[in-house]
PDB file of N, CA and C in Angstrom:
ATOM      1  N   MET A   1     108.923 190.089 253.908  1.00  0.00           N
ATOM      2  CA  MET A   1     107.716 189.658 253.902  1.00  0.00           C
ATOM      3  C   MET A   1     107.850 188.534 254.389  1.00  0.00           C
ATOM      4  N   SER A   2     106.776 188.248 255.007  1.00  0.00           N
ATOM      5  CA  SER A   2     106.541 186.908 255.759  1.00  0.00           C
ATOM      6  C   SER A   2     105.674 185.947 254.978  1.00  0.00           C
ATOM      7  N   VAL A   3     106.450 184.797 254.925  1.00  0.00           N
ATOM      8  CA  VAL A   3     106.001 183.313 254.664  1.00  0.00           C
ATOM      9  C   VAL A   3     104.000 183.673 254.179  1.00  0.00           C
ATOM     10  N   SER A   4     103.338 183.943 255.522  1.00  0.00           N
ATOM     11  CA  SER A   4     101.599 183.552 255.217  1.00  0.00           C
ATOM     12  C   SER A   4     101.802 184.884 254.655  1.00  0.00           C
ATOM     13  N   GLN A   5     102.222 186.406 254.222  1.00  0.00           N
ATOM     14  CA  GLN A   5     101.840 187.021 253.549  1.00  0.00           C
ATOM     15  C   GLN A   5     102.056 186.801 251.935  1.00  0.00           C
ATOM     16  N   CYS A   6     103.246 186.239 251.659  1.00  0.00           N
ATOM     17  CA  CYS A   6     103.540 185.300 250.342  1.00  0.00           C
ATOM     18  C   CYS A   6     102.401 185.024 249.906  1.00  0.00           C
ATOM     19  N   ARG A   7     101.839 183.776 250.863  1.00  0.00           N
ATOM     20  CA  ARG A   7     100.867 182.807 250.789  1.00  0.00           C
ATOM     21  C   ARG A   7      99.823 183.347 250.167  1.00  0.00           C
ATOM     22  N   VAL A   8      99.055 184.344 251.085  1.00  0.00           N
ATOM     23  CA  VAL A   8      97.795 185.357 250.786  1.00  0.00           C
ATOM     24  C   VAL A   8      98.150 186.059 249.354  1.00  0.00           C
ATOM     25  N   ASP A   9      99.247 186.640 249.352  1.00  0.00           N
ATOM     26  CA  ASP A   9      99.561 187.119 247.865  1.00  0.00           C
ATOM     27  C   ASP A   9      99.110 186.309 246.706  1.00  0.00           C
ATOM     28  N   TRP A  10      99.700 184.941 246.904  1.00  0.00           N
ATOM     29  CA  TRP A  10      99.614 184.260 245.753  1.00  0.00           C
ATOM     30  C   TRP A  10      98.322 183.524 245.352  1.00  0.00           C
ATOM     31  N   PHE A  11      97.428 183.460 246.618  1.00  0.00           N
ATOM     32  CA  PHE A  11      96.398 183.050 246.773  1.00  0.00           C
ATOM     33  C   PHE A  11      95.012 183.771 246.280  1.00  0.00           C
ATOM     34  N   SER A  12      95.389 185.339 246.702  1.00  0.00           N
ATOM     35  CA  SER A  12      94.706 186.355 245.916  1.00  0.00           C
ATOM     36  C   SER A  12      94.649 186.636 244.823  1.00  0.00           C
ATOM     37  N   ASN A  13      95.775 186.192 243.899  1.00  0.00           N
ATOM     38  CA  ASN A  13      96.320 186.620 242.984  1.00  0.00           C
ATOM     39  C   ASN A  13      95.659 185.888 241.355  1.00  0.00           C
ATOM     40  N   MET A  14      95.102 186.801 240.787  1.00  0.00           N
ATOM     41  CA  MET A  14      94.462 186.196 239.295  1.00  0.00           C
ATOM     42  C   MET A  14      95.204 185.140 238.467  1.00  0.00           C
ATOM     43  N   ARG A  15      96.265 185.152 238.720  1.00  0.00           N
ATOM     44  CA  ARG A  15      97.009 184.355 238.071  1.00  0.00           C
ATOM     45  C   ARG A  15      96.887 182.950 238.582  1.00  0.00           C
ATOM     46  N   PHE A  16      96.760 183.344 239.889  1.00  0.00           N
ATOM     47  CA  PHE A  16      96.515 181.687 240.725  1.00  0.00           C
ATOM     48  C   PHE A  16      94.746 180.980 240.185  1.00  0.00           C
ATOM     49  N   VAL A  17      94.151 181.885 240.403  1.00  0.00           N
ATOM     50  CA  VAL A  17      92.706 181.673 239.598  1.00  0.00           C
ATOM     51  C   VAL A  17      92.657 180.927 238.232  1.00  0.00           C
ATOM     52  N   CYS A  18      93.438 181.600 237.453  1.00  0.00           N
ATOM     53  CA  CYS A  18      93.295 181.477 235.914  1.00  0.00           C
ATOM     54  C   CYS A  18      94.355 180.170 235.501  1.00  0.00           C
ATOM     55  N   LEU A  19      95.377 180.050 236.393  1.00  0.00           N
ATOM     56  CA  LEU A  19      96.099 178.551 236.340  1.00  0.00           C
ATOM     57  C   LEU A  19      95.207 177.390 236.783  1.00  0.00           C
ATOM     58  N   HIS A  20      94.513 177.728 237.866  1.00  0.00           N
ATOM     59  CA  HIS A  20      93.688 176.851 238.474  1.00  0.00           C
ATOM     60  C   HIS A  20      92.175 176.256 237.687  1.00  0.00           C
ATOM     61  N   LEU A  21      91.848 177.557 236.827  1.00  0.00           N
ATOM     62  CA  LEU A  21      90.630 177.282 235.662  1.00  0.00           C
ATOM     63  C   LEU A  21      91.284 176.719 234.599  1.00  0.00           C
ATOM     64  N   ILE A  22      92.448 176.863 234.022  1.00  0.00           N
ATOM     65  CA  ILE A  22      93.205 176.113 232.953  1.00  0.00           C
ATOM     66  C   ILE A  22      93.008 174.635 233.371  1.00  0.00           C
ATOM     67  N   LEU A  23      93.538 174.442 234.831  1.00  0.00           N
ATOM     68  CA  LEU A  23      94.154 172.997 234.684  1.00  0.00           C
ATOM     69  C   LEU A  23      93.113 172.007 235.072  1.00  0.00           C
ATOM     70  N   PHE A  24      92.010 172.830 235.661  1.00  0.00           N
ATOM     71  CA  PHE A  24      90.739 171.736 236.032  1.00  0.00           C
ATOM     72  C   PHE A  24      89.979 171.994 234.662  1.00  0.00           C
ATOM     73  N   GLY A  25      89.917 172.832 233.994  1.00  0.00           N
ATOM     74  CA  GLY A  25      89.139 172.630 232.450  1.00  0.00           C
ATOM     75  C   GLY A  25      89.962 171.688 231.762  1.00  0.00           C
ATOM     76  N   LEU A  26      90.854 171.568 231.683  1.00  0.00           N
ATOM     77  CA  LEU A  26      91.633 170.454 231.120  1.00  0.00           C
ATOM     78  C   LEU A  26      91.349 169.250 231.132  1.00  0.00           C
ATOM     79  N   TRP A  27      91.328 168.897 232.851  1.00  0.00           N
ATOM     80  CA  TRP A  27      90.790 167.645 233.643  1.00  0.00           C
ATOM     81  C   TRP A  27      89.778 167.154 232.924  1.00  0.00           C
ATOM     82  N   ILE A  28      88.841 168.112 232.782  1.00  0.00           N
ATOM     83  CA  ILE A  28      87.215 167.829 232.312  1.00  0.00           C
ATOM     84  C   ILE A  28      87.441 167.615 230.688  1.00  0.00           C
ATOM     85  N   VAL A  29      88.187 168.454 230.283  1.00  0.00           N
ATOM     86  CA  VAL A  29      87.949 168.308 228.654  1.00  0.00           C
ATOM     87  C   VAL A  29      88.949 166.791 228.384  1.00  0.00           C
ATOM     88  N   VAL A  30      90.150 166.261 228.785  1.00  0.00           N
ATOM     89  CA  VAL A  30      90.573 165.252 228.714  1.00  0.00           C
ATOM     90  C   VAL A  30      89.838 163.965 228.784  1.00  0.00           C
ATOM     91  N   LYS A  31      88.538 163.730 229.888  1.00  0.00           N
ATOM     92  CA  LYS A  31      87.813 163.233 230.304  1.00  0.00           C
ATOM     93  C   LYS A  31      86.694 163.287 229.618  1.00  0.00           C
ATOM     94  N   LEU A  32      86.549 163.715 228.371  1.00  0.00           N
ATOM     95  CA  LEU A  32      85.251 163.729 227.744  1.00  0.00           C
ATOM     96  C   LEU A  32      85.567 162.508 226.509  1.00  0.00           C
ATOM     97  N   PRO A  33      84.357 161.863 226.678  1.00  0.00           N
ATOM     98  CA  PRO A  33      84.150 160.670 225.354  1.00  0.00           C
ATOM     99  C   PRO A  33      84.836 161.045 224.050  1.00  0.00           C
ATOM    100  N   GLY A  34      85.183 160.428 223.293  1.00  0.00           N
ATOM    101  CA  GLY A  34      85.949 160.554 222.289  1.00  0.00           C
ATOM    102  C   GLY A  34      87.658 161.350 222.393  1.00  0.00           C
ATOM    103  N   VAL A  35      88.111 161.532 223.279  1.00  0.00           N
ATOM    104  CA  VAL A  35      88.926 162.345 223.513  1.00  0.00           C
ATOM    105  C   VAL A  35      90.349 161.040 223.509  1.00  0.00           C
ATOM    106  N   PRO A  36      91.090 160.796 222.438  1.00  0.00           N
ATOM    107  CA  PRO A  36      92.181 159.835 222.342  1.00  0.00           C
ATOM    108  C   PRO A  36      93.050 159.627 223.337  1.00  0.00           C
ATOM    109  N   TRP A  37      93.009 160.515 224.617  1.00  0.00           N
ATOM    110  CA  TRP A  37      94.210 160.697 225.352  1.00  0.00           C
ATOM    111  C   TRP A  37      93.551 159.522 226.706  1.00  0.00           C
ATOM    112  N   PRO A  38      94.680 158.794 227.279  1.00  0.00           N
ATOM    113  CA  PRO A  38      94.101 157.944 228.329  1.00  0.00           C
ATOM    114  C   PRO A  38      93.322 158.733 229.347  1.00  0.00           C
ATOM    115  N   HIS A  39      92.078 157.964 229.768  1.00  0.00           N
ATOM    116  CA  HIS A  39      91.309 158.521 230.558  1.00  0.00           C
ATOM    117  C   HIS A  39      91.888 157.934 232.247  1.00  0.00           C
ATOM    118  N   PHE A  40      91.400 158.798 232.932  1.00  0.00           N
ATOM    119  CA  PHE A  40      91.661 158.861 234.302  1.00  0.00           C
ATOM    120  C   PHE A  40      90.513 159.254 235.052  1.00  0.00           C
ATOM    121  N   ASP A  41      90.588 158.653 236.387  1.00  0.00           N
ATOM    122  CA  ASP A  41      89.522 159.542 237.382  1.00  0.00           C
ATOM    123  C   ASP A  41      87.906 159.461 236.600  1.00  0.00           C
ATOM    124  N   PRO A  42      87.631 158.173 236.749  1.00  0.00           N
ATOM    125  CA  PRO A  42      86.408 157.987 235.564  1.00  0.00           C
ATOM    126  C   PRO A  42      84.792 158.458 236.324  1.00  0.00           C
ATOM    127  N   THR A  43      85.136 158.542 238.037  1.00  0.00           N
ATOM    128  CA  THR A  43      83.844 158.941 238.377  1.00  0.00           C
ATOM    129  C   THR A  43      84.008 160.646 238.738  1.00  0.00           C
ATOM    130  N   TYR A  44      85.005 161.334 238.248  1.00  0.00           N
ATOM    131  CA  TYR A  44      85.334 162.544 239.019  1.00  0.00           C
ATOM    132  C   TYR A  44      85.804 162.786 240.292  1.00  0.00           C
ATOM    133  N   VAL A  45      86.150 161.635 240.795  1.00  0.00           N
ATOM    134  CA  VAL A  45      86.091 161.798 242.297  1.00  0.00           C
ATOM    135  C   VAL A  45      87.542 162.668 242.870  1.00  0.00           C
ATOM    136  N   GLY A  46      88.381 162.155 242.036  1.00  0.00           N
ATOM    137  CA  GLY A  46      90.102 162.843 242.253  1.00  0.00           C
ATOM    138  C   GLY A  46      89.806 164.173 241.839  1.00  0.00           C
ATOM    139  N   LEU A  47      89.281 164.724 240.975  1.00  0.00           N
ATOM    140  CA  LEU A  47      88.675 166.290 240.772  1.00  0.00           C
ATOM    141  C   LEU A  47      88.181 166.942 241.947  1.00  0.00           C
ATOM    142  N   ALA A  48      86.836 166.142 242.514  1.00  0.00           N
ATOM    143  CA  ALA A  48      86.265 166.811 243.449  1.00  0.00           C
ATOM    144  C   ALA A  48      87.255 166.666 244.878  1.00  0.00           C
ATOM    145  N   MET A  49      87.909 165.800 244.836  1.00  0.00           N
ATOM    146  CA  MET A  49      88.718 165.891 245.994  1.00  0.00           C
ATOM    147  C   MET A  49      89.901 167.075 245.911  1.00  0.00           C
ATOM    148  N   ALA A  50      90.454 166.796 244.513  1.00  0.00           N
ATOM    149  CA  ALA A  50      91.413 168.139 244.558  1.00  0.00           C
ATOM    150  C   ALA A  50      90.649 169.719 244.697  1.00  0.00           C
ATOM    151  N   ALA A  51      89.410 169.853 243.933  1.00  0.00           N
ATOM    152  CA  ALA A  51      89.159 171.124 244.091  1.00  0.00           C
ATOM    153  C   ALA A  51      88.831 171.311 245.583  1.00  0.00           C
ATOM    154  N   THR A  52      88.125 170.438 246.086  1.00  0.00           N
ATOM    155  CA  THR A  52      87.626 170.600 247.724  1.00  0.00           C
ATOM    156  C   THR A  52      89.019 171.020 248.738  1.00  0.00           C
ATOM    157  N   VAL A  53      90.040 169.979 248.930  1.00  0.00           N
ATOM    158  CA  VAL A  53      91.611 170.567 249.211  1.00  0.00           C
ATOM    159  C   VAL A  53      91.486 171.921 249.251  1.00  0.00           C
ATOM    160  N   LEU A  54      92.068 171.926 247.856  1.00  0.00           N
ATOM    161  CA  LEU A  54      92.191 173.496 247.220  1.00  0.00           C
ATOM    162  C   LEU A  54      91.226 174.668 247.962  1.00  0.00           C
ATOM    163  N   GLU A  55      90.401 174.174 247.577  1.00  0.00           N
ATOM    164  CA  GLU A  55      89.323 175.191 248.436  1.00  0.00           C
ATOM    165  C   GLU A  55      89.393 175.663 250.281  1.00  0.00           C
ATOM    166  N   ASN A  56      89.484 174.393 250.296  1.00  0.00           N
ATOM    167  CA  ASN A  56      89.482 174.041 252.355  1.00  0.00           C
ATOM    168  C   ASN A  56      91.205 174.969 252.309  1.00  0.00           C
ATOM    169  N   PHE A  57      92.010 174.753 251.504  1.00  0.00           N
ATOM    170  CA  PHE A  57      93.266 175.508 251.957  1.00  0.00           C
ATOM    171  C   PHE A  57      93.167 176.874 251.168  1.00  0.00           C
ATOM    172  N   TYR A  58      92.475 177.175 250.813  1.00  0.00           N
ATOM    173  CA  TYR A  58      92.343 179.206 250.327  1.00  0.00           C
ATOM    174  C   TYR A  58      91.418 179.129 251.486  1.00  0.00           C
ATOM    175  N   VAL A  59      90.341 178.854 251.844  1.00  0.00           N
ATOM    176  CA  VAL A  59      89.647 179.354 253.066  1.00  0.00           C
ATOM    177  C   VAL A  59      90.552 179.719 254.344  1.00  0.00           C
ATOM    178  N   THR A  60      91.117 178.435 254.557  1.00  0.00           N
ATOM    179  CA  THR A  60      91.888 178.949 255.683  1.00  0.00           C
ATOM    180  C   THR A  60      93.184 179.910 255.937  1.00  0.00           C
ATOM    181  N   VAL A  61      93.964 180.246 254.702  1.00  0.00           N
ATOM    182  CA  VAL A  61      94.832 180.532 254.865  1.00  0.00           C
ATOM    183  C   VAL A  61      94.302 182.308 254.707  1.00  0.00           C
ATOM    184  N   ASN A  62      93.338 182.564 253.863  1.00  0.00           N
ATOM    185  CA  ASN A  62      92.436 183.671 253.769  1.00  0.00           C
ATOM    186  C   ASN A  62      91.668 184.020 255.388  1.00  0.00           C
ATOM    187  N   HIS A  63      91.121 183.181 255.651  1.00  0.00           N
ATOM    188  CA  HIS A  63      91.058 183.391 257.527  1.00  0.00           C
ATOM    189  C   HIS A  63      91.523 183.699 258.023  1.00  0.00           C
ATOM    190  N   LEU A  64      92.773 183.032 258.240  1.00  0.00           N
ATOM    191  CA  LEU A  64      93.863 183.045 259.158  1.00  0.00           C
ATOM    192  C   LEU A  64      94.247 184.790 259.186  1.00  0.00           C
ATOM    193  N   HIS A  65      94.525 184.861 257.618  1.00  0.00           N
ATOM    194  CA  HIS A  65      94.964 186.269 257.311  1.00  0.00           C
ATOM    195  C   HIS A  65      94.090 187.410 257.820  1.00  0.00           C
ATOM    196  N   ARG A  66      92.957 187.523 257.667  1.00  0.00           N
ATOM    197  CA  ARG A  66      91.955 188.251 257.805  1.00  0.00           C
ATOM    198  C   ARG A  66      91.941 188.086 259.532  1.00  0.00           C
ATOM    199  N   LYS A  67      91.949 187.184 260.158  1.00  0.00           N
ATOM    200  CA  LYS A  67      91.794 187.177 261.491  1.00  0.00           C
ATOM    201  C   LYS A  67      93.134 187.967 262.139  1.00  0.00           C
ATOM    202  N   GLN A  68      93.942 187.894 261.646  1.00  0.00           N
ATOM    203  CA  GLN A  68      95.680 188.460 262.129  1.00  0.00           C
ATOM    204  C   GLN A  68      95.405 189.639 262.027  1.00  0.00           C
ATOM    205  N   TRP A  69      94.957 190.304 261.289  1.00  0.00           N
ATOM    206  CA  TRP A  69      94.992 191.495 260.658  1.00  0.00           C
ATOM    207  C   TRP A  69      93.682 192.424 261.664  1.00  0.00           C
ATOM    208  N   GLY A  70      92.888 191.509 261.395  1.00  0.00           N
ATOM    209  CA  GLY A  70      91.523 192.046 262.515  1.00  0.00           C
ATOM    210  C   GLY A  70      92.016 192.264 263.882  1.00  0.00           C
ATOM    211  N   ILE A  71      92.883 191.256 264.190  1.00  0.00           N
ATOM    212  CA  ILE A  71      93.350 191.504 265.997  1.00  0.00           C
ATOM    213  C   ILE A  71      94.502 192.489 266.390  1.00  0.00           C
ATOM    214  N   LEU A  72      95.401 192.677 264.866  1.00  0.00           N
ATOM    215  CA  LEU A  72      96.430 193.844 264.785  1.00  0.00           C
ATOM    216  C   LEU A  72      95.773 195.078 264.991  1.00  0.00           C
ATOM    217  N   SER A  73      94.865 195.070 263.682  1.00  0.00           N
ATOM    218  CA  SER A  73      94.257 196.195 263.868  1.00  0.00           C
ATOM    219  C   SER A  73      93.496 196.978 265.176  1.00  0.00           C
ATOM    220  N   CYS A  74      92.713 195.683 265.704  1.00  0.00           N
ATOM    221  CA  CYS A  74      91.643 195.619 267.092  1.00  0.00           C
ATOM    222  C   CYS A  74      93.298 196.685 268.305  1.00  0.00           C
ATOM    223  N   VAL A  75      94.010 195.986 268.135  1.00  0.00           N
ATOM    224  CA  VAL A  75      94.934 196.282 269.319  1.00  0.00           C
ATOM    225  C   VAL A  75      95.741 197.553 268.918  1.00  0.00           C
ATOM    226  N   ARG A  76      95.989 197.915 267.257  1.00  0.00           N
ATOM    227  CA  ARG A  76      96.713 199.214 267.296  1.00  0.00           C
ATOM    228  C   ARG A  76      95.369 200.444 267.305  1.00  0.00           C
ATOM    229  N   ASP A  77      94.072 199.967 267.295  1.00  0.00           N
ATOM    230  CA  ASP A  77      92.947 201.126 267.955  1.00  0.00           C
ATOM    231  C   ASP A  77      92.968 201.263 269.250  1.00  0.00           C
ATOM    232  N   LEU A  78      93.045 199.800 269.581  1.00  0.00           N
ATOM    233  CA  LEU A  78      93.222 200.551 271.229  1.00  0.00           C
ATOM    234  C   LEU A  78      94.516 201.265 271.865  1.00  0.00           C
ATOM    235  N   TYR A  79      95.459 201.178 271.039  1.00  0.00           N
ATOM    236  CA  TYR A  79      96.371 201.626 271.576  1.00  0.00           C
ATOM    237  C   TYR A  79      96.862 203.164 271.469  1.00  0.00           C
ATOM    238  N   SER A  80      96.093 203.425 270.082  1.00  0.00           N
ATOM    239  CA  SER A  80      96.327 204.846 269.520  1.00  0.00           C
ATOM    240  C   SER A  80      95.324 205.626 270.675  1.00  0.00           C
ATOM    241  N   LYS A  81      94.152 204.862 271.281  1.00  0.00           N
ATOM    242  CA  LYS A  81      93.720 205.820 271.615  1.00  0.00           C
ATOM    243  C   LYS A  81      93.547 205.455 273.551  1.00  0.00           C
ATOM    244  N   ASN A  82      94.931 205.072 273.582  1.00  0.00           N
ATOM    245  CA  ASN A  82      95.396 204.944 275.198  1.00  0.00           C
ATOM    246  C   ASN A  82      94.917 204.051 275.938  1.00  0.00           C
ATOM    247  N   ARG A  83      94.222 203.217 275.641  1.00  0.00           N
ATOM    248  CA  ARG A  83      93.315 202.387 276.575  1.00  0.00           C
ATOM    249  C   ARG A  83      93.892 200.945 276.628  1.00  0.00           C
ATOM    250  N   LEU A  84      95.279 200.753 276.718  1.00  0.00           N
ATOM    251  CA  LEU A  84      95.806 199.696 276.505  1.00  0.00           C
ATOM    252  C   LEU A  84      96.879 199.889 277.629  1.00  0.00           C
TER     253      LEU A  84
END
């Protein structure tokens, strides 16, 4: 199995989604007023940046994976029809 396939499998896994829902949910809960934990990221800029970077990475990996399989299937179809 290739490295890119492992990344795609991880990013399209529900464990990945649940892990990040829990992580970002805890980030927001910790920042609520009245929570006795030390506060960080007062304007939620860090949360927005982390979510944006993660989303861009996810989209890029999935786009490249789909593009790779799209090209391979196109070549396979052409080859099977003896057009190459």
